[in-house]
Amino acid sequence: MRRHRSERQSGMRKRWLVAAGAVLTATIGVVLVPAAAGGAGRHRDPFDAAGPLDIRAIGVDQATRDVELWVRTRGRFGLEQLNRRPDVANPSARFLCLHLHRPGSSRVRQLCFGPKDHGKDVLGYATLHGDGSIKSFQRIRARVERRGPRSISARFRADAAGLGPHVYFWRYLSHWRGRPCDRGSPSSGDRARRADGRGTDPGHWSDRRATERCLDQAPNRRWAKFRLHPVQPVGCTAGASPVRNGSRGRKRVALTFDDGPSGYTPKILKILRREHAKGTFFEIGAQVPGLASTSRKVIESGNELGNHSMHHESHPGSASMAETSRRIRKATGFTPCLFRPPGGGYDSRVLGDAHRLGMATVIWDVDPTDWSTPGTGAIYSRVVGATRPGSIVLMHDGGGNRSQTVAALPQIIHTLRGRGYSFVTVTKLLRQRTIWGEVH
């Protein structure tokens, strides 16, 4: 008899959680309007569950490329007490999760708090079947902060959870197991909630068993709305000038390409994307208008653009630099903070003009002279033979036949990666900051 009762309770509990978290046509159209008292995407929840994980306030916000989650509960809890991969049919599970989905899609994503994984902050990320069971699961890196024993926030990259620019509906779910949730007569808090009319929604307190007293969902009986806006780099911060390399203390390298955009630029971008490497492209202003889409692809693929003067002239003036930056900004929405003088020639006037336009002057410490087409093998051996931690490597994606550079690039990356190097933009190599903004 006890076994059958337990099965019925487990089935009821699972149905309640699925109804709370799955995509329900009847509830999708009901959107909670953000309260004026809270920030964007932040809401309050009534006192409507027993146990410490009764949800009191919640939020989902965008922070440039990231998504930030925020929850405050009625009671104290520890991350080590939560399961980041919960079984919703298990009455002993303790969890605090976010469910979200795109309108019109049956795919529900679940993000759950849990303890550190080998000393690192992570969230449990799962996609769910229609019955609420887990379809796929992985841990994603996050920056988790405790602002007190009843509050927690997490920030993670949107693309790590498969989230792209779109409208999403979201809701938090929590469950606790312990003394406040055991069977027995209702607690004084339960009676108070019933007395003032709260917690009496159909399928909620009036119809829930004692084993469901510590289940909570917020917002109740509806989904909140969240829009993830497209963002991209719109600028960066400039450091000291001139610079020939980054820190020698880390095995990071900046691959740079001059004299584009050209027909070779997409080929180099394809290699960088395939090899999970980043590069910096110093563009000639006169060439940008005719190849604006190519310049946009540089930014869209996570690489970086720099200023290489209007006409590849020696010791360019302020007007040349300013017009080149204007054309790059018009084509891509990105304002360069890096300037490379053609041929590497500069004086105090060139440095000063670049600085007044918000740009650091970047030279290099590895030059395979690929512009002279010495052969694929020569380009490869010169780069891998001279590269050191913090090196800035000069190559070309324009200004002539660059097929040898394209051919040498994959093996350069493979060899240096085998030696422990990673490939970053110049801004990252120099420990400067990329500025992100919304795409219009």
Protein backbone atom coordinates (compact mmCIF):
# COMPACT_ATOMS: atom_id res chain seq x y z
CA MET A 1 0.00 0.00 0.00
CA ARG A 2 2.82 2.40 0.91
CA ARG A 3 4.52 1.62 -2.44
CA HIS A 4 1.39 2.50 -4.43
CA ARG A 5 0.91 5.72 -2.44
CA SER A 6 4.54 6.66 -3.07
CA GLU A 7 4.15 6.00 -6.81
CA ARG A 8 1.02 8.17 -6.94
CA GLN A 9 2.77 11.00 -5.11
CA SER A 10 5.81 10.76 -7.38
CA GLY A 11 3.56 10.82 -10.43
CA MET A 12 1.65 13.84 -9.13
CA ARG A 13 4.87 15.62 -8.29
CA LYS A 14 6.37 14.97 -11.71
CA ARG A 15 3.20 16.16 -13.44
CA TRP A 16 3.25 19.34 -11.37
CA LEU A 17 6.88 20.04 -12.26
CA VAL A 18 6.36 19.29 -15.94
CA ALA A 19 3.34 21.60 -15.97
CA ALA A 20 5.43 24.24 -14.25
CA GLY A 21 8.45 23.96 -16.50
CA ALA A 22 7.41 22.54 -19.86
CA VAL A 23 6.11 24.55 -22.80
CA LEU A 24 2.35 24.93 -22.33
CA THR A 25 0.35 26.57 -25.07
CA ALA A 26 -2.13 27.93 -22.57
CA THR A 27 0.53 29.83 -20.64
CA ILE A 28 2.85 30.99 -23.40
CA GLY A 29 0.55 33.84 -24.30
CA VAL A 30 0.48 35.16 -20.73
CA VAL A 31 3.55 37.33 -20.28
CA LEU A 32 4.50 38.94 -17.00
CA VAL A 33 5.20 42.64 -17.40
CA PRO A 34 8.29 43.69 -15.40
CA ALA A 35 7.43 45.46 -12.19
CA ALA A 36 8.28 49.14 -12.15
CA ALA A 37 10.11 48.73 -8.85
CA GLY A 38 12.61 46.23 -10.27
CA GLY A 39 15.28 46.36 -12.92
CA ALA A 40 14.89 45.00 -16.44
CA GLY A 41 13.80 41.38 -16.27
CA ARG A 42 13.47 41.33 -12.46
CA HIS A 43 10.32 40.29 -10.57
CA ARG A 44 9.02 39.56 -7.10
CA ASP A 45 7.32 36.34 -6.03
CA PRO A 46 4.85 35.89 -3.13
CA PHE A 47 5.40 33.86 0.04
CA ASP A 48 3.93 30.64 -1.35
CA ALA A 49 6.11 27.61 -0.53
CA ALA A 50 7.63 25.96 2.52
CA GLY A 51 11.33 25.41 2.99
CA PRO A 52 14.29 27.72 2.40
CA LEU A 53 13.99 27.69 -1.41
CA ASP A 54 10.71 29.60 -1.44
CA ILE A 55 11.56 32.07 -4.22
CA ARG A 56 11.14 35.73 -3.28
CA ALA A 57 12.77 37.68 -6.14
CA ILE A 58 14.16 36.68 -9.52
CA GLY A 59 15.79 38.12 -12.60
CA VAL A 60 17.24 37.42 -16.03
CA ASP A 61 19.27 40.16 -17.69
CA GLN A 62 21.66 40.60 -20.60
CA ALA A 63 25.18 41.86 -19.94
CA THR A 64 26.86 42.38 -23.35
CA ARG A 65 27.54 38.82 -24.63
CA ASP A 66 26.49 37.27 -21.33
CA VAL A 67 23.29 36.33 -19.58
CA GLU A 68 22.97 37.05 -15.87
CA LEU A 69 20.67 35.10 -13.55
CA TRP A 70 19.66 36.36 -10.11
CA VAL A 71 17.59 34.70 -7.36
CA ARG A 72 16.75 35.57 -3.75
CA THR A 73 15.06 33.00 -1.51
CA ARG A 74 13.23 33.11 1.82
CA GLY A 75 15.74 30.90 3.61
CA ARG A 76 19.42 30.08 3.66
CA PHE A 77 20.93 27.46 1.38
CA GLY A 78 24.33 26.24 0.25
CA LEU A 79 25.40 25.32 -3.28
CA GLU A 80 26.61 21.95 -2.03
CA GLN A 81 22.98 21.19 -1.10
CA LEU A 82 21.72 21.64 -4.68
CA ASN A 83 21.69 19.21 -7.60
CA ARG A 84 22.65 20.76 -10.93
CA ARG A 85 21.22 17.73 -12.78
CA PRO A 86 18.01 17.03 -10.89
CA ASP A 87 15.56 14.19 -11.43
CA VAL A 88 12.22 15.96 -11.08
CA ALA A 89 10.49 12.67 -10.18
CA ASN A 90 12.79 12.16 -7.18
CA PRO A 91 11.07 13.54 -4.05
CA SER A 92 14.47 13.89 -2.34
CA ALA A 93 15.91 16.20 -5.01
CA ARG A 94 16.95 19.70 -4.04
CA PHE A 95 17.36 22.13 -6.90
CA LEU A 96 17.13 25.74 -8.03
CA CYS A 97 16.79 26.00 -11.81
CA LEU A 98 15.79 28.31 -14.63
CA HIS A 99 13.66 27.06 -17.51
CA LEU A 100 13.47 29.04 -20.73
CA HIS A 101 12.30 28.52 -24.29
CA ARG A 102 11.68 30.36 -27.52
CA PRO A 103 8.07 31.03 -28.52
CA GLY A 104 6.81 28.40 -30.92
CA SER A 105 9.61 25.95 -30.05
CA SER A 106 9.19 22.73 -28.08
CA ARG A 107 12.79 22.89 -26.89
CA VAL A 108 13.10 23.77 -23.20
CA ARG A 109 16.49 24.68 -21.75
CA GLN A 110 17.28 24.18 -18.08
CA LEU A 111 20.04 25.93 -16.12
CA CYS A 112 20.61 24.77 -12.54
CA PHE A 113 22.82 25.97 -9.70
CA GLY A 114 25.11 23.50 -7.99
CA PRO A 115 28.45 23.12 -6.18
CA LYS A 116 31.81 23.97 -7.71
CA ASP A 117 33.28 21.46 -10.14
CA HIS A 118 36.99 20.90 -9.38
CA GLY A 119 37.14 24.35 -7.85
CA LYS A 120 35.44 26.09 -10.80
CA ASP A 121 32.03 27.75 -10.93
CA VAL A 122 29.66 25.94 -13.28
CA LEU A 123 25.97 25.67 -14.06
CA GLY A 124 24.22 22.51 -15.13
CA TYR A 125 22.82 23.06 -18.63
CA ALA A 126 20.27 20.61 -19.99
CA THR A 127 17.72 20.37 -22.75
CA LEU A 128 14.50 18.61 -21.77
CA HIS A 129 12.07 16.15 -23.28
CA GLY A 130 8.38 17.02 -23.28
CA ASP A 131 7.85 15.10 -20.01
CA GLY A 132 10.52 17.14 -18.23
CA SER A 133 13.22 14.46 -18.31
CA ILE A 134 16.73 15.37 -19.42
CA LYS A 135 17.52 14.95 -23.11
CA SER A 136 21.12 16.24 -23.03
CA PHE A 137 23.34 17.65 -20.29
CA GLN A 138 26.64 19.47 -19.87
CA ARG A 139 28.38 21.76 -17.41
CA ILE A 140 28.98 25.31 -18.58
CA ARG A 141 31.39 27.77 -17.03
CA ALA A 142 29.84 30.65 -15.14
CA ARG A 143 30.80 33.35 -12.69
CA VAL A 144 28.72 32.52 -9.63
CA GLU A 145 28.46 35.03 -6.78
CA ARG A 146 26.81 34.75 -3.39
CA ARG A 147 25.54 38.09 -2.12
CA GLY A 148 24.43 36.52 1.11
CA PRO A 149 23.10 33.15 2.33
CA ARG A 150 19.73 33.78 0.65
CA SER A 151 20.88 35.26 -2.65
CA ILE A 152 22.83 34.03 -5.66
CA SER A 153 23.69 35.25 -9.16
CA ALA A 154 25.44 33.69 -12.13
CA ARG A 155 26.82 35.13 -15.34
CA PHE A 156 27.63 32.98 -18.39
CA ARG A 157 28.19 33.30 -22.13
CA ALA A 158 24.88 33.18 -23.98
CA ASP A 159 26.25 30.96 -26.74
CA ALA A 160 27.43 28.40 -24.15
CA ALA A 161 23.74 27.61 -23.58
CA GLY A 162 22.86 27.80 -27.26
CA LEU A 163 21.15 31.17 -26.82
CA GLY A 164 21.14 33.53 -29.77
CA PRO A 165 19.41 36.87 -30.29
CA HIS A 166 15.68 36.22 -29.86
CA VAL A 167 12.72 36.56 -27.50
CA TYR A 168 12.60 33.93 -24.74
CA PHE A 169 10.11 33.01 -22.04
CA TRP A 170 11.51 32.02 -18.67
CA ARG A 171 10.59 30.78 -15.21
CA TYR A 172 12.45 29.59 -12.11
CA LEU A 173 11.72 26.28 -10.38
CA SER A 174 12.89 25.16 -6.95
CA HIS A 175 12.44 22.21 -4.63
CA TRP A 176 13.68 21.50 -1.13
CA ARG A 177 13.58 18.31 0.90
CA GLY A 178 13.76 18.37 4.69
CA ARG A 179 11.77 18.89 7.84
CA PRO A 180 9.60 21.77 6.54
CA CYS A 181 8.54 19.56 3.65
CA ASP A 182 7.66 16.38 5.57
CA ARG A 183 4.13 15.08 5.84
CA GLY A 184 1.89 16.29 8.58
CA SER A 185 -0.35 19.17 9.38
CA PRO A 186 0.19 22.43 7.54
CA SER A 187 2.70 24.80 9.07
CA SER A 188 1.62 28.13 10.50
CA GLY A 189 2.99 29.72 7.35
CA ASP A 190 0.76 27.47 5.23
CA ARG A 191 -2.29 28.42 7.29
CA ALA A 192 -1.46 32.10 7.04
CA ARG A 193 -1.15 31.89 3.28
CA ARG A 194 -4.55 30.22 3.02
CA ALA A 195 -6.11 32.71 5.43
CA ASP A 196 -5.13 35.72 3.36
CA GLY A 197 -6.08 34.06 0.09
CA ARG A 198 -2.59 33.41 -1.22
CA GLY A 199 -1.49 30.03 -2.48
CA THR A 200 -5.00 28.82 -3.34
CA ASP A 201 -4.60 28.60 -7.11
CA PRO A 202 -5.92 25.38 -8.72
CA GLY A 203 -3.21 22.75 -8.81
CA HIS A 204 -1.19 24.65 -6.21
CA TRP A 205 -1.59 24.62 -2.40
CA SER A 206 -5.18 23.43 -2.24
CA ASP A 207 -4.48 20.30 -4.30
CA ARG A 208 -0.87 19.56 -3.37
CA ARG A 209 0.25 16.78 -1.06
CA ALA A 210 2.63 17.34 1.83
CA THR A 211 5.51 16.05 -0.31
CA GLU A 212 4.90 18.99 -2.67
CA ARG A 213 4.87 21.75 -0.08
CA CYS A 214 8.45 22.76 -0.92
CA LEU A 215 8.00 23.03 -4.68
CA ASP A 216 7.96 26.56 -6.01
CA GLN A 217 7.76 28.25 -9.38
CA ALA A 218 8.21 31.92 -10.17
CA PRO A 219 6.45 33.66 -11.78
CA ASN A 220 3.35 31.66 -10.82
CA ARG A 221 1.18 30.22 -13.62
CA ARG A 222 2.90 32.30 -16.30
CA TRP A 223 6.18 32.95 -18.05
CA ALA A 224 8.27 36.11 -17.93
CA LYS A 225 9.60 37.58 -21.17
CA PHE A 226 13.24 38.25 -22.01
CA ARG A 227 14.82 39.55 -25.22
CA LEU A 228 18.42 38.72 -25.99
CA HIS A 229 19.75 41.48 -28.23
CA PRO A 230 22.51 40.97 -30.83
CA VAL A 231 25.80 42.53 -29.76
CA GLN A 232 29.21 42.93 -31.33
CA PRO A 233 32.52 44.66 -30.60
CA VAL A 234 32.14 48.39 -31.24
CA GLY A 235 35.58 49.48 -30.08
CA CYS A 236 38.48 48.80 -27.76
CA THR A 237 40.84 50.58 -25.40
CA ALA A 238 44.31 51.65 -26.49
CA GLY A 239 47.45 51.20 -24.43
CA ALA A 240 50.98 52.58 -24.69
CA SER A 241 52.73 53.15 -28.05
CA PRO A 242 54.61 51.90 -29.90
CA VAL A 243 54.31 48.21 -29.06
CA ARG A 244 56.13 45.29 -30.67
CA ASN A 245 54.99 42.40 -28.52
CA GLY A 246 52.89 41.43 -25.54
CA SER A 247 53.87 39.88 -22.23
CA ARG A 248 56.59 37.22 -22.46
CA GLY A 249 55.10 35.49 -19.45
CA ARG A 250 52.29 33.68 -21.26
CA LYS A 251 52.27 31.52 -24.38
CA ARG A 252 49.95 33.77 -26.34
CA VAL A 253 50.51 34.94 -29.91
CA ALA A 254 48.77 37.57 -32.05
CA LEU A 255 48.52 36.70 -35.74
CA THR A 256 48.11 39.92 -37.74
CA PHE A 257 47.31 40.46 -41.42
CA ASP A 258 47.96 43.68 -43.36
CA ASP A 259 46.78 45.31 -46.59
CA GLY A 260 43.24 43.93 -46.75
CA PRO A 261 40.41 43.58 -47.17
CA SER A 262 40.85 41.47 -50.28
CA GLY A 263 39.71 38.24 -51.88
CA TYR A 264 42.16 36.37 -49.63
CA THR A 265 40.62 37.63 -46.40
CA PRO A 266 37.66 35.17 -46.39
CA LYS A 267 40.11 32.29 -46.93
CA ILE A 268 42.13 33.31 -43.90
CA LEU A 269 38.95 33.78 -41.86
CA LYS A 270 37.86 30.27 -42.79
CA ILE A 271 41.17 28.83 -41.55
CA LEU A 272 41.01 30.80 -38.30
CA ARG A 273 37.45 29.65 -37.68
CA ARG A 274 38.31 26.01 -38.40
CA GLU A 275 41.37 26.15 -36.12
CA HIS A 276 39.59 28.08 -33.33
CA ALA A 277 42.15 30.88 -33.56
CA LYS A 278 41.73 34.66 -33.63
CA GLY A 279 43.53 37.29 -35.68
CA THR A 280 43.82 41.05 -36.16
CA PHE A 281 43.38 42.57 -39.63
CA PHE A 282 44.91 45.98 -40.39
CA GLU A 283 42.87 47.39 -43.27
CA ILE A 284 43.58 49.99 -45.94
CA GLY A 285 40.80 52.58 -45.92
CA ALA A 286 40.56 52.93 -49.72
CA GLN A 287 39.70 49.22 -50.04
CA VAL A 288 36.99 49.05 -47.38
CA PRO A 289 33.92 50.46 -49.22
CA GLY A 290 34.12 47.91 -52.03
CA LEU A 291 34.56 45.00 -49.59
CA ALA A 292 32.46 46.14 -46.64
CA SER A 293 30.88 42.70 -46.26
CA THR A 294 34.34 41.16 -45.89
CA SER A 295 35.22 43.66 -43.17
CA ARG A 296 31.96 42.82 -41.38
CA LYS A 297 32.83 39.13 -41.49
CA VAL A 298 36.07 39.87 -39.66
CA ILE A 299 34.11 41.34 -36.74
CA GLU A 300 31.27 38.82 -36.89
CA SER A 301 33.72 35.91 -36.65
CA GLY A 302 35.26 37.26 -33.45
CA ASN A 303 38.39 38.73 -34.97
CA GLU A 304 39.62 42.32 -34.81
CA LEU A 305 40.12 45.23 -37.20
CA GLY A 306 42.93 47.78 -37.15
CA ASN A 307 43.77 50.94 -39.12
CA HIS A 308 46.48 50.74 -41.82
CA SER A 309 46.06 54.23 -43.40
CA MET A 310 44.00 55.27 -46.42
CA HIS A 311 46.39 54.47 -49.27
CA HIS A 312 49.26 52.56 -47.62
CA GLU A 313 51.30 55.74 -47.62
CA SER A 314 54.48 56.18 -45.60
CA HIS A 315 54.09 58.17 -42.36
CA PRO A 316 50.37 58.87 -42.89
CA GLY A 317 48.82 62.00 -41.44
CA SER A 318 45.92 62.44 -39.06
CA ALA A 319 43.40 62.94 -41.90
CA SER A 320 44.38 59.60 -43.47
CA MET A 321 44.04 57.77 -40.16
CA ALA A 322 40.72 59.44 -39.31
CA GLU A 323 39.15 58.68 -42.70
CA THR A 324 40.26 55.04 -42.53
CA SER A 325 38.68 54.64 -39.10
CA ARG A 326 35.52 56.36 -40.33
CA ARG A 327 35.19 53.94 -43.26
CA ILE A 328 35.78 50.91 -41.05
CA ARG A 329 33.21 52.19 -38.55
CA LYS A 330 30.65 52.85 -41.30
CA ALA A 331 31.13 49.37 -42.77
CA THR A 332 31.20 47.39 -39.53
CA GLY A 333 30.08 49.47 -36.55
CA PHE A 334 33.55 48.98 -35.04
CA THR A 335 35.98 51.83 -34.31
CA PRO A 336 39.64 50.68 -34.37
CA CYS A 337 41.89 51.33 -31.40
CA LEU A 338 44.99 49.94 -33.16
CA PHE A 339 47.05 51.61 -35.88
CA ARG A 340 49.84 50.01 -37.89
CA PRO A 341 52.00 52.35 -39.99
CA PRO A 342 52.76 50.95 -43.46
CA GLY A 343 56.25 49.46 -43.51
CA GLY A 344 56.48 49.96 -39.76
CA GLY A 345 57.76 53.51 -40.22
CA TYR A 346 56.80 56.10 -37.62
CA ASP A 347 57.99 59.17 -35.78
CA SER A 348 56.70 61.18 -32.84
CA ARG A 349 54.15 62.95 -35.04
CA VAL A 350 52.68 59.64 -36.29
CA LEU A 351 52.51 58.29 -32.74
CA GLY A 352 50.85 61.49 -31.53
CA ASP A 353 48.26 61.58 -34.31
CA ALA A 354 47.29 57.96 -33.69
CA HIS A 355 47.07 58.56 -29.95
CA ARG A 356 44.80 61.61 -30.39
CA LEU A 357 42.49 59.43 -32.50
CA GLY A 358 42.31 56.84 -29.71
CA MET A 359 44.72 54.33 -31.28
CA ALA A 360 47.87 52.59 -30.08
CA THR A 361 50.60 52.09 -32.70
CA VAL A 362 51.36 48.40 -33.19
CA ILE A 363 54.51 47.08 -34.88
CA TRP A 364 55.66 43.41 -34.70
CA ASP A 365 58.50 41.15 -33.64
CA VAL A 366 58.05 38.30 -36.15
CA ASP A 367 58.21 39.06 -39.89
CA PRO A 368 58.42 36.20 -42.43
CA THR A 369 58.42 38.76 -45.31
CA ASP A 370 55.52 36.88 -46.86
CA TRP A 371 54.84 39.97 -49.02
CA SER A 372 57.84 38.90 -51.15
CA THR A 373 56.28 35.44 -51.78
CA PRO A 374 59.34 33.46 -50.61
CA GLY A 375 57.42 30.17 -50.70
CA THR A 376 55.03 28.41 -48.33
CA GLY A 377 57.83 26.52 -46.59
CA ALA A 378 59.88 29.66 -45.98
CA ILE A 379 56.90 31.52 -44.50
CA TYR A 380 56.15 28.60 -42.21
CA SER A 381 59.73 28.08 -40.98
CA ARG A 382 60.36 31.80 -40.42
CA VAL A 383 57.24 32.20 -38.29
CA VAL A 384 57.62 29.08 -36.14
CA GLY A 385 61.37 29.66 -35.78
CA ALA A 386 61.03 33.22 -34.45
CA THR A 387 57.83 33.12 -32.40
CA ARG A 388 58.13 33.57 -28.66
CA PRO A 389 55.55 34.08 -25.91
CA GLY A 390 53.82 37.40 -26.57
CA SER A 391 54.91 37.64 -30.21
CA ILE A 392 53.04 39.75 -32.75
CA VAL A 393 53.37 38.03 -36.13
CA LEU A 394 53.17 40.12 -39.32
CA MET A 395 51.55 38.53 -42.38
CA HIS A 396 49.44 39.84 -45.27
CA ASP A 397 45.95 39.15 -46.60
CA GLY A 398 46.17 41.79 -49.36
CA GLY A 399 48.56 43.73 -51.55
CA GLY A 400 49.30 40.93 -54.01
CA ASN A 401 49.17 37.16 -54.40
CA ARG A 402 48.77 35.80 -50.87
CA SER A 403 48.16 32.15 -51.69
CA GLN A 404 51.46 31.17 -50.03
CA THR A 405 50.41 32.81 -46.78
CA VAL A 406 47.04 31.07 -46.93
CA ALA A 407 48.77 27.72 -47.55
CA ALA A 408 51.28 28.18 -44.70
CA LEU A 409 48.80 29.38 -42.07
CA PRO A 410 47.24 26.04 -41.00
CA GLN A 411 50.60 24.40 -40.36
CA ILE A 412 51.86 27.48 -38.51
CA ILE A 413 48.87 27.23 -36.18
CA HIS A 414 49.23 23.46 -35.71
CA THR A 415 52.93 23.65 -34.88
CA LEU A 416 52.67 26.55 -32.46
CA ARG A 417 49.61 25.09 -30.77
CA GLY A 418 51.54 21.86 -30.34
CA ARG A 419 54.13 23.94 -28.46
CA GLY A 420 51.44 25.24 -26.12
CA TYR A 421 50.56 28.56 -27.78
CA SER A 422 47.09 30.07 -28.08
CA PHE A 423 46.07 32.66 -30.68
CA VAL A 424 44.40 35.89 -29.58
CA THR A 425 43.69 39.37 -30.92
CA VAL A 426 46.24 42.12 -30.36
CA THR A 427 43.89 43.84 -27.91
CA LYS A 428 43.70 40.71 -25.78
CA LEU A 429 47.43 40.08 -26.07
CA LEU A 430 48.11 43.58 -24.74
CA ARG A 431 45.55 43.08 -21.95
CA GLN A 432 43.34 45.88 -23.18
CA ARG A 433 39.55 45.81 -23.21
CA THR A 434 37.12 45.15 -26.04
CA ILE A 435 34.02 47.36 -25.90
CA TRP A 436 30.74 45.64 -26.78
CA GLY A 437 27.53 47.26 -27.93
CA GLU A 438 24.13 46.40 -29.39
CA VAL A 439 23.93 45.86 -33.13
CA HIS A 440 21.58 48.34 -34.88
